C-alpha atoms as a PDB file:
ATOM      1  CA  MET A   1     101.542 102.522  86.856  1.00  0.00           C
ATOM      2  CA  GLN A   2      99.735 104.788  84.332  1.00  0.00           C
ATOM      3  CA  LEU A   3      96.611 106.830  84.186  1.00  0.00           C
ATOM      4  CA  VAL A   4      95.079 107.017  80.827  1.00  0.00           C
ATOM      5  CA  LYS A   5      91.867 108.239  79.255  1.00  0.00           C
ATOM      6  CA  CYS A   6      89.382 105.441  79.329  1.00  0.00           C
ATOM      7  CA  LYS A   7      88.547 104.114  75.831  1.00  0.00           C
ATOM      8  CA  TYR A   8      85.540 102.182  76.584  1.00  0.00           C
ATOM      9  CA  ARG A   9      81.743 103.004  77.551  1.00  0.00           C
ATOM     10  CA  ILE A  10      82.076 101.657  81.317  1.00  0.00           C
ATOM     11  CA  LYS A  11      80.626 102.610  84.813  1.00  0.00           C
ATOM     12  CA  CYS A  12      83.058 104.069  87.108  1.00  0.00           C
ATOM     13  CA  GLU A  13      84.012 101.232  89.469  1.00  0.00           C
ATOM     14  CA  LEU A  14      84.545 103.250  92.942  1.00  0.00           C
ATOM     15  CA  GLY A  15      81.506 102.547  95.348  1.00  0.00           C
ATOM     16  CA  ALA A  16      77.955 103.265  94.266  1.00  0.00           C
ATOM     17  CA  CYS A  17      79.202 105.848  91.685  1.00  0.00           C
ATOM     18  CA  GLY A  18      76.923 105.570  88.411  1.00  0.00           C
ATOM     19  CA  ASN A  19      78.997 107.878  86.296  1.00  0.00           C
ATOM     20  CA  ARG A  20      80.589 107.014  83.281  1.00  0.00           C
ATOM     21  CA  ALA A  21      84.571 106.342  83.581  1.00  0.00           C
ATOM     22  CA  ASP A  22      86.615 108.830  82.130  1.00  0.00           C
ATOM     23  CA  TYR A  23      90.173 107.358  83.121  1.00  0.00           C
ATOM     24  CA  SER A  24      91.497 103.879  83.689  1.00  0.00           C
ATOM     25  CA  LEU A  25      94.568 103.180  86.239  1.00  0.00           C
ATOM     26  CA  LEU A  26      96.726 100.668  84.921  1.00  0.00           C
ATOM     27  CA  PRO A  27      99.070  99.175  87.080  1.00  0.00           C
ATOM     28  CA  ALA A  28     102.368  97.888  86.047  1.00  0.00           C
ATOM     29  CA  ARG A  29     102.981  93.919  85.289  1.00  0.00           C
ATOM     30  CA  SER A  30      99.217  92.721  85.944  1.00  0.00           C
ATOM     31  CA  GLY A  31      96.453  91.675  83.776  1.00  0.00           C
ATOM     32  CA  ILE A  32      93.528  93.404  82.151  1.00  0.00           C
ATOM     33  CA  ARG A  33      91.373  92.420  85.490  1.00  0.00           C
ATOM     34  CA  SER A  34      93.583  94.833  87.608  1.00  0.00           C
ATOM     35  CA  ILE A  35      92.525  97.777  85.533  1.00  0.00           C
ATOM     36  CA  LEU A  36      90.598 100.386  87.570  1.00  0.00           C
ATOM     37  CA  HIS A  37      88.212 102.504  85.790  1.00  0.00           C
ATOM     38  CA  VAL A  38      87.001 105.803  87.548  1.00  0.00           C
ATOM     39  CA  CYS A  39      84.858 109.108  86.440  1.00  0.00           C
ATOM     40  CA  GLU A  40      86.506 112.377  87.098  1.00  0.00           C
ATOM     41  CA  PRO A  41      84.732 113.679  90.432  1.00  0.00           C
ATOM     42  CA  CYS A  42      86.010 110.317  91.922  1.00  0.00           C
ATOM     43  CA  LEU A  43      89.448 110.735  90.538  1.00  0.00           C
ATOM     44  CA  THR A  44      89.641 114.149  92.175  1.00  0.00           C
ATOM     45  CA  GLU A  45      88.174 113.278  95.504  1.00  0.00           C
ATOM     46  CA  LEU A  46      90.705 110.316  95.583  1.00  0.00           C
ATOM     47  CA  SER A  47      93.457 112.509  94.496  1.00  0.00           C
ATOM     48  CA  ALA A  48      92.410 115.028  97.304  1.00  0.00           C
ATOM     49  CA  LEU A  49      92.359 112.070  99.848  1.00  0.00           C
ATOM     50  CA  ILE A  50      95.910 110.934  98.960  1.00  0.00           C
ATOM     51  CA  SER A  51      97.594 114.170  98.870  1.00  0.00           C
ATOM     52  CA  GLU A  52      96.048 114.700 102.590  1.00  0.00           C
ATOM     53  CA  GLU A  53      97.289 111.469 103.831  1.00  0.00           C
ATOM     54  CA  LEU A  54     100.696 111.807 102.189  1.00  0.00           C
ATOM     55  CA  GLY A  55     100.809 115.360 103.525  1.00  0.00           C
ATOM     56  CA  GLU A  56      99.951 114.288 107.354  1.00  0.00           C
ATOM     57  CA  LYS A  57     102.885 111.585 107.016  1.00  0.00           C
ATOM     58  CA  GLU A  58     105.319 113.917 105.883  1.00  0.00           C
ATOM     59  CA  GLY A  59     104.558 116.143 108.898  1.00  0.00           C
ATOM     60  CA  LYS A  60     104.965 113.647 111.360  1.00  0.00           C
END
């Protein structure tokens, strides 16, 4: 999986966010329709949620 700067003028695809996408998440071995385009605020929030969830699992 790769996280790259978004080359296109496209909206963030998370929820009802209307921001312009700053990053593209490219899953390994999948087609172009699998790419997730996200803005920086959504990526930051998603990162915090993932860190919190993984931290809880490691502590158990």
